[in-house]
C-alpha cells in the first residue's frame, strides 16, 4: 500500500498529530483544494494514519501544486 495520504486536515494539524503519535514523515505539503498531502517514511506509519484518521482521508486523489518548496524540515 502507498505511504502517501491526502487528508482534509490543515498542514499544521497533520504535523502536530504526527509528532504526537511519533509517525515518521517524509513530506507534508498543502493541497490547492485545501487539506494536506502526507507521505510517511514507513508503511507502518501510513497504516497508523489510515487507521486513526480514516474519516479525514480524501476519497479521491487530489491535484498537488506543480512546484512546491517545503518549509523548514519536519
PDB file of N, CA and C in Angstrom:
ATOM      1  N   UNK A   1       0.834  -1.171   0.000  1.00  0.00           N
ATOM      2  CA  UNK A   1       0.000   0.000   0.000  1.00  0.00           C
ATOM      3  C   UNK A   1       0.886   1.244   0.000  1.00  0.00           C
ATOM      4  N   UNK A   2       0.371   2.330  -0.511  1.00  0.00           N
ATOM      5  CA  UNK A   2       1.108   3.573  -0.630  1.00  0.00           C
ATOM      6  C   UNK A   2       1.385   4.218   0.733  1.00  0.00           C
ATOM      7  N   UNK A   3       2.499   4.928   0.805  1.00  0.00           N
ATOM      8  CA  UNK A   3       2.826   5.686   2.020  1.00  0.00           C
ATOM      9  C   UNK A   3       2.273   7.096   1.936  1.00  0.00           C
ATOM     10  N   UNK A   4       1.680   7.473   0.785  1.00  0.00           N
ATOM     11  CA  UNK A   4       1.123   8.806   0.571  1.00  0.00           C
ATOM     12  C   UNK A   4      -0.371   8.821   0.886  1.00  0.00           C
ATOM     13  N   UNK A   5      -0.794   9.890   1.591  1.00  0.00           N
ATOM     14  CA  UNK A   5      -2.186  10.010   2.009  1.00  0.00           C
ATOM     15  C   UNK A   5      -2.596  11.477   1.871  1.00  0.00           C
ATOM     16  N   UNK A   6      -3.777  11.732   1.309  1.00  0.00           N
ATOM     17  CA  UNK A   6      -4.327  13.085   1.246  1.00  0.00           C
ATOM     18  C   UNK A   6      -5.377  13.205   2.346  1.00  0.00           C
ATOM     19  N   UNK A   7      -5.191  14.201   3.212  1.00  0.00           N
ATOM     20  CA  UNK A   7      -6.077  14.397   4.359  1.00  0.00           C
ATOM     21  C   UNK A   7      -6.804  15.726   4.266  1.00  0.00           C
ATOM     22  N   UNK A   8      -7.986  15.806   4.852  1.00  0.00           N
ATOM     23  CA  UNK A   8      -8.761  17.043   4.866  1.00  0.00           C
ATOM     24  C   UNK A   8      -8.269  18.013   5.930  1.00  0.00           C
ATOM     25  N   UNK A   9      -7.344  17.617   6.763  1.00  0.00           N
ATOM     26  CA  UNK A   9      -6.833  18.451   7.850  1.00  0.00           C
ATOM     27  C   UNK A   9      -5.825  19.484   7.348  1.00  0.00           C
ATOM     28  N   UNK A  10      -5.656  20.558   8.118  1.00  0.00           N
ATOM     29  CA  UNK A  10      -4.658  21.581   7.803  1.00  0.00           C
ATOM     30  C   UNK A  10      -3.254  21.030   8.023  1.00  0.00           C
ATOM     31  N   UNK A  11      -2.286  21.603   7.312  1.00  0.00           N
ATOM     32  CA  UNK A  11      -0.904  21.135   7.395  1.00  0.00           C
ATOM     33  C   UNK A  11      -0.375  21.137   8.834  1.00  0.00           C
ATOM     34  N   UNK A  12      -0.602  22.211   9.566  1.00  0.00           N
ATOM     35  CA  UNK A  12      -0.107  22.284  10.948  1.00  0.00           C
ATOM     36  C   UNK A  12      -0.747  21.224  11.842  1.00  0.00           C
ATOM     37  N   UNK A  13      -2.022  20.924  11.604  1.00  0.00           N
ATOM     38  CA  UNK A  13      -2.701  19.890  12.389  1.00  0.00           C
ATOM     39  C   UNK A  13      -2.106  18.510  12.112  1.00  0.00           C
ATOM     40  N   UNK A  14      -1.801  18.239  10.847  1.00  0.00           N
ATOM     41  CA  UNK A  14      -1.187  16.951  10.475  1.00  0.00           C
ATOM     42  C   UNK A  14       0.202  16.846  11.085  1.00  0.00           C
ATOM     43  N   UNK A  15       0.964  17.924  10.993  1.00  0.00           N
ATOM     44  CA  UNK A  15       2.321  17.969  11.555  1.00  0.00           C
ATOM     45  C   UNK A  15       2.285  17.688  13.067  1.00  0.00           C
ATOM     46  N   UNK A  16       1.379  18.368  13.771  1.00  0.00           N
ATOM     47  CA  UNK A  16       1.236  18.194  15.218  1.00  0.00           C
ATOM     48  C   UNK A  16       0.812  16.773  15.556  1.00  0.00           C
ATOM     49  N   UNK A  17      -0.158  16.245  14.815  1.00  0.00           N
ATOM     50  CA  UNK A  17      -0.659  14.901  15.072  1.00  0.00           C
ATOM     51  C   UNK A  17       0.450  13.861  14.866  1.00  0.00           C
ATOM     52  N   UNK A  18       1.198  13.980  13.781  1.00  0.00           N
ATOM     53  CA  UNK A  18       2.278  13.020  13.503  1.00  0.00           C
ATOM     54  C   UNK A  18       3.371  13.088  14.570  1.00  0.00           C
ATOM     55  N   UNK A  19       3.689  14.280  15.031  1.00  0.00           N
ATOM     56  CA  UNK A  19       4.687  14.428  16.095  1.00  0.00           C
ATOM     57  C   UNK A  19       4.193  13.775  17.376  1.00  0.00           C
ATOM     58  N   UNK A  20       2.949  14.041  17.726  1.00  0.00           N
ATOM     59  CA  UNK A  20       2.351  13.482  18.951  1.00  0.00           C
ATOM     60  C   UNK A  20       2.355  11.953  18.927  1.00  0.00           C
ATOM     61  N   UNK A  21       2.060  11.375  17.779  1.00  0.00           N
ATOM     62  CA  UNK A  21       1.951   9.913  17.663  1.00  0.00           C
ATOM     63  C   UNK A  21       3.224   9.262  17.131  1.00  0.00           C
ATOM     64  N   UNK A  22       4.294  10.066  17.027  1.00  0.00           N
ATOM     65  CA  UNK A  22       5.612   9.563  16.612  1.00  0.00           C
ATOM     66  C   UNK A  22       5.571   8.847  15.259  1.00  0.00           C
ATOM     67  N   UNK A  23       4.869   9.465  14.306  1.00  0.00           N
ATOM     68  CA  UNK A  23       4.798   8.938  12.944  1.00  0.00           C
ATOM     69  C   UNK A  23       5.919   9.599  12.140  1.00  0.00           C
ATOM     70  N   UNK A  24       6.891   8.833  11.646  1.00  0.00           N
ATOM     71  CA  UNK A  24       7.978   9.430  10.851  1.00  0.00           C
ATOM     72  C   UNK A  24       7.462   9.895   9.484  1.00  0.00           C
ATOM     73  N   UNK A  25       7.753  11.156   9.164  1.00  0.00           N
ATOM     74  CA  UNK A  25       7.207  11.794   7.964  1.00  0.00           C
ATOM     75  C   UNK A  25       8.312  12.114   6.968  1.00  0.00           C
ATOM     76  N   UNK A  26       8.036  11.828   5.704  1.00  0.00           N
ATOM     77  CA  UNK A  26       8.955  12.172   4.634  1.00  0.00           C
ATOM     78  C   UNK A  26       8.601  13.543   4.065  1.00  0.00           C
ATOM     79  N   UNK A  27       7.310  13.754   3.753  1.00  0.00           N
ATOM     80  CA  UNK A  27       6.858  15.004   3.136  1.00  0.00           C
ATOM     81  C   UNK A  27       5.483  15.387   3.671  1.00  0.00           C
ATOM     82  N   UNK A  28       5.314  16.680   3.928  1.00  0.00           N
ATOM     83  CA  UNK A  28       3.998  17.246   4.211  1.00  0.00           C
ATOM     84  C   UNK A  28       3.887  18.495   3.339  1.00  0.00           C
ATOM     85  N   UNK A  29       2.788  18.596   2.590  1.00  0.00           N
ATOM     86  CA  UNK A  29       2.581  19.789   1.775  1.00  0.00           C
ATOM     87  C   UNK A  29       1.089  20.090   1.665  1.00  0.00           C
ATOM     88  N   UNK A  30       0.742  21.380   1.576  1.00  0.00           N
ATOM     89  CA  UNK A  30      -0.666  21.746   1.426  1.00  0.00           C
ATOM     90  C   UNK A  30      -1.163  21.389   0.031  1.00  0.00           C
ATOM     91  N   UNK A  31      -2.466  21.174  -0.074  1.00  0.00           N
ATOM     92  CA  UNK A  31      -3.094  20.896  -1.367  1.00  0.00           C
ATOM     93  C   UNK A  31      -3.841  22.138  -1.847  1.00  0.00           C
ATOM     94  N   UNK A  32      -3.868  22.394  -3.152  1.00  0.00           N
ATOM     95  CA  UNK A  32      -4.553  23.577  -3.671  1.00  0.00           C
ATOM     96  C   UNK A  32      -6.033  23.633  -3.282  1.00  0.00           C
ATOM     97  N   UNK A  33      -6.674  22.490  -3.185  1.00  0.00           N
ATOM     98  CA  UNK A  33      -8.105  22.442  -2.862  1.00  0.00           C
ATOM     99  C   UNK A  33      -8.368  22.514  -1.357  1.00  0.00           C
ATOM    100  N   UNK A  34      -7.298  22.592  -0.573  1.00  0.00           N
ATOM    101  CA  UNK A  34      -7.417  22.549   0.883  1.00  0.00           C
ATOM    102  C   UNK A  34      -7.023  21.168   1.353  1.00  0.00           C
ATOM    103  N   UNK A  35      -6.591  21.061   2.571  1.00  0.00           N
ATOM    104  CA  UNK A  35      -6.136  19.784   3.081  1.00  0.00           C
ATOM    105  C   UNK A  35      -4.633  19.648   2.934  1.00  0.00           C
ATOM    106  N   UNK A  36      -4.146  18.435   3.175  1.00  0.00           N
ATOM    107  CA  UNK A  36      -2.710  18.199   3.235  1.00  0.00           C
ATOM    108  C   UNK A  36      -2.334  16.879   2.585  1.00  0.00           C
ATOM    109  N   UNK A  37      -1.232  16.896   1.850  1.00  0.00           N
ATOM    110  CA  UNK A  37      -0.648  15.684   1.271  1.00  0.00           C
ATOM    111  C   UNK A  37       0.448  15.229   2.234  1.00  0.00           C
ATOM    112  N   UNK A  38       0.358  14.008   2.712  1.00  0.00           N
ATOM    113  CA  UNK A  38       1.297  13.448   3.678  1.00  0.00           C
ATOM    114  C   UNK A  38       1.947  12.211   3.084  1.00  0.00           C
ATOM    115  N   UNK A  39       3.267  12.119   3.205  1.00  0.00           N
ATOM    116  CA  UNK A  39       3.985  10.902   2.825  1.00  0.00           C
ATOM    117  C   UNK A  39       4.767  10.454   4.047  1.00  0.00           C
ATOM    118  N   UNK A  40       4.438   9.280   4.543  1.00  0.00           N
ATOM    119  CA  UNK A  40       5.122   8.719   5.713  1.00  0.00           C
ATOM    120  C   UNK A  40       6.397   8.010   5.270  1.00  0.00           C
ATOM    121  N   UNK A  41       7.362   7.934   6.155  1.00  0.00           N
ATOM    122  CA  UNK A  41       8.620   7.247   5.846  1.00  0.00           C
ATOM    123  C   UNK A  41       8.408   5.739   5.791  1.00  0.00           C
ATOM    124  N   UNK A  42       7.553   5.233   6.652  1.00  0.00           N
ATOM    125  CA  UNK A  42       7.330   3.787   6.706  1.00  0.00           C
ATOM    126  C   UNK A  42       5.886   3.433   6.353  1.00  0.00           C
ATOM    127  N   UNK A  43       5.716   2.239   5.853  1.00  0.00           N
ATOM    128  CA  UNK A  43       4.375   1.732   5.586  1.00  0.00           C
ATOM    129  C   UNK A  43       3.578   1.584   6.870  1.00  0.00           C
ATOM    130  N   UNK A  44       4.258   1.214   7.949  1.00  0.00           N
ATOM    131  CA  UNK A  44       3.580   1.077   9.239  1.00  0.00           C
ATOM    132  C   UNK A  44       3.035   2.420   9.715  1.00  0.00           C
ATOM    133  N   UNK A  45       3.795   3.497   9.486  1.00  0.00           N
ATOM    134  CA  UNK A  45       3.334   4.833   9.846  1.00  0.00           C
ATOM    135  C   UNK A  45       2.102   5.216   9.044  1.00  0.00           C
ATOM    136  N   UNK A  46       2.128   4.934   7.750  1.00  0.00           N
ATOM    137  CA  UNK A  46       0.980   5.230   6.891  1.00  0.00           C
ATOM    138  C   UNK A  46      -0.244   4.425   7.321  1.00  0.00           C
ATOM    139  N   UNK A  47      -0.039   3.176   7.684  1.00  0.00           N
ATOM    140  CA  UNK A  47      -1.149   2.344   8.167  1.00  0.00           C
ATOM    141  C   UNK A  47      -1.747   2.921   9.444  1.00  0.00           C
ATOM    142  N   UNK A  48      -0.898   3.418  10.336  1.00  0.00           N
ATOM    143  CA  UNK A  48      -1.361   4.026  11.585  1.00  0.00           C
ATOM    144  C   UNK A  48      -2.208   5.268  11.294  1.00  0.00           C
ATOM    145  N   UNK A  49      -1.764   6.094  10.360  1.00  0.00           N
ATOM    146  CA  UNK A  49      -2.528   7.285   9.974  1.00  0.00           C
ATOM    147  C   UNK A  49      -3.878   6.868   9.407  1.00  0.00           C
ATOM    148  N   UNK A  50      -3.888   5.891   8.516  1.00  0.00           N
ATOM    149  CA  UNK A  50      -5.149   5.432   7.915  1.00  0.00           C
ATOM    150  C   UNK A  50      -6.097   4.880   8.972  1.00  0.00           C
ATOM    151  N   UNK A  51      -5.551   4.172   9.938  1.00  0.00           N
ATOM    152  CA  UNK A  51      -6.363   3.575  10.991  1.00  0.00           C
ATOM    153  C   UNK A  51      -6.982   4.653  11.882  1.00  0.00           C
ATOM    154  N   UNK A  52      -6.176   5.613  12.313  1.00  0.00           N
ATOM    155  CA  UNK A  52      -6.632   6.620  13.275  1.00  0.00           C
ATOM    156  C   UNK A  52      -7.326   7.820  12.641  1.00  0.00           C
ATOM    157  N   UNK A  53      -6.972   8.164  11.404  1.00  0.00           N
ATOM    158  CA  UNK A  53      -7.540   9.342  10.751  1.00  0.00           C
ATOM    159  C   UNK A  53      -8.380   8.982   9.519  1.00  0.00           C
ATOM    160  N   UNK A  54      -8.927   7.800   9.521  1.00  0.00           N
ATOM    161  CA  UNK A  54      -9.677   7.301   8.371  1.00  0.00           C
ATOM    162  C   UNK A  54     -10.770   8.233   7.879  1.00  0.00           C
ATOM    163  N   UNK A  55     -11.472   8.907   8.789  1.00  0.00           N
ATOM    164  CA  UNK A  55     -12.566   9.792   8.396  1.00  0.00           C
ATOM    165  C   UNK A  55     -12.061  11.078   7.744  1.00  0.00           C
ATOM    166  N   UNK A  56     -10.788  11.414   7.935  1.00  0.00           N
ATOM    167  CA  UNK A  56     -10.223  12.628   7.350  1.00  0.00           C
ATOM    168  C   UNK A  56      -9.484  12.374   6.039  1.00  0.00           C
ATOM    169  N   UNK A  57      -9.476  11.135   5.567  1.00  0.00           N
ATOM    170  CA  UNK A  57      -8.816  10.817   4.295  1.00  0.00           C
ATOM    171  C   UNK A  57      -9.716  11.245   3.144  1.00  0.00           C
ATOM    172  N   UNK A  58      -9.137  11.946   2.170  1.00  0.00           N
ATOM    173  CA  UNK A  58      -9.895  12.391   0.999  1.00  0.00           C
ATOM    174  C   UNK A  58     -10.197  11.181   0.117  1.00  0.00           C
ATOM    175  N   UNK A  59     -11.430  11.075  -0.365  1.00  0.00           N
ATOM    176  CA  UNK A  59     -11.816   9.892  -1.137  1.00  0.00           C
ATOM    177  C   UNK A  59     -11.154   9.793  -2.511  1.00  0.00           C
ATOM    178  N   UNK A  60     -10.781  10.912  -3.094  1.00  0.00           N
ATOM    179  CA  UNK A  60     -10.150  10.936  -4.417  1.00  0.00           C
ATOM    180  C   UNK A  60      -8.731  11.471  -4.299  1.00  0.00           C
ATOM    181  N   UNK A  61      -7.876  11.089  -5.240  1.00  0.00           N
ATOM    182  CA  UNK A  61      -6.522  11.633  -5.295  1.00  0.00           C
ATOM    183  C   UNK A  61      -6.639  13.098  -5.699  1.00  0.00           C
ATOM    184  N   UNK A  62      -6.038  13.971  -4.927  1.00  0.00           N
ATOM    185  CA  UNK A  62      -6.120  15.404  -5.159  1.00  0.00           C
ATOM    186  C   UNK A  62      -4.954  15.891  -6.016  1.00  0.00           C
ATOM    187  N   UNK A  63      -5.201  16.954  -6.784  1.00  0.00           N
ATOM    188  CA  UNK A  63      -4.116  17.590  -7.525  1.00  0.00           C
ATOM    189  C   UNK A  63      -3.216  18.307  -6.537  1.00  0.00           C
ATOM    190  N   UNK A  64      -1.915  18.274  -6.800  1.00  0.00           N
ATOM    191  CA  UNK A  64      -0.946  18.953  -5.948  1.00  0.00           C
ATOM    192  C   UNK A  64      -0.412  20.178  -6.675  1.00  0.00           C
ATOM    193  N   UNK A  65       0.228  21.070  -5.915  1.00  0.00           N
ATOM    194  CA  UNK A  65       0.856  22.223  -6.540  1.00  0.00           C
ATOM    195  C   UNK A  65       1.931  21.731  -7.501  1.00  0.00           C
ATOM    196  N   UNK A  66       2.043  22.365  -8.635  1.00  0.00           N
ATOM    197  CA  UNK A  66       3.016  21.946  -9.635  1.00  0.00           C
ATOM    198  C   UNK A  66       4.440  22.075  -9.103  1.00  0.00           C
ATOM    199  N   UNK A  67       4.747  23.205  -8.486  1.00  0.00           N
ATOM    200  CA  UNK A  67       6.053  23.413  -7.890  1.00  0.00           C
ATOM    201  C   UNK A  67       5.827  23.827  -6.446  1.00  0.00           C
ATOM    202  N   UNK A  68       6.297  23.026  -5.546  1.00  0.00           N
ATOM    203  CA  UNK A  68       6.103  23.331  -4.130  1.00  0.00           C
ATOM    204  C   UNK A  68       7.454  23.210  -3.420  1.00  0.00           C
ATOM    205  N   UNK A  69       7.791  24.222  -2.677  1.00  0.00           N
ATOM    206  CA  UNK A  69       9.024  24.197  -1.901  1.00  0.00           C
ATOM    207  C   UNK A  69       8.638  24.118  -0.440  1.00  0.00           C
ATOM    208  N   UNK A  70       8.993  23.021   0.187  1.00  0.00           N
ATOM    209  CA  UNK A  70       8.623  22.788   1.583  1.00  0.00           C
ATOM    210  C   UNK A  70       9.300  23.774   2.495  1.00  0.00           C
ATOM    211  N   UNK A  71       8.633  24.057   3.617  1.00  0.00           N
ATOM    212  CA  UNK A  71       9.250  24.919   4.614  1.00  0.00           C
ATOM    213  C   UNK A  71      10.282  24.107   5.379  1.00  0.00           C
ATOM    214  N   UNK A  72      10.777  24.637   6.459  1.00  0.00           N
ATOM    215  CA  UNK A  72      11.867  24.003   7.234  1.00  0.00           C
ATOM    216  C   UNK A  72      11.579  22.521   7.461  1.00  0.00           C
ATOM    217  N   UNK A  73      12.618  21.714   7.611  1.00  0.00           N
ATOM    218  CA  UNK A  73      12.441  20.265   7.799  1.00  0.00           C
ATOM    219  C   UNK A  73      11.502  19.940   8.942  1.00  0.00           C
ATOM    220  N   UNK A  74      10.857  18.809   8.789  1.00  0.00           N
ATOM    221  CA  UNK A  74       9.894  18.331   9.774  1.00  0.00           C
ATOM    222  C   UNK A  74      10.658  17.984  11.003  1.00  0.00           C
TER     223      UNK A  74
END
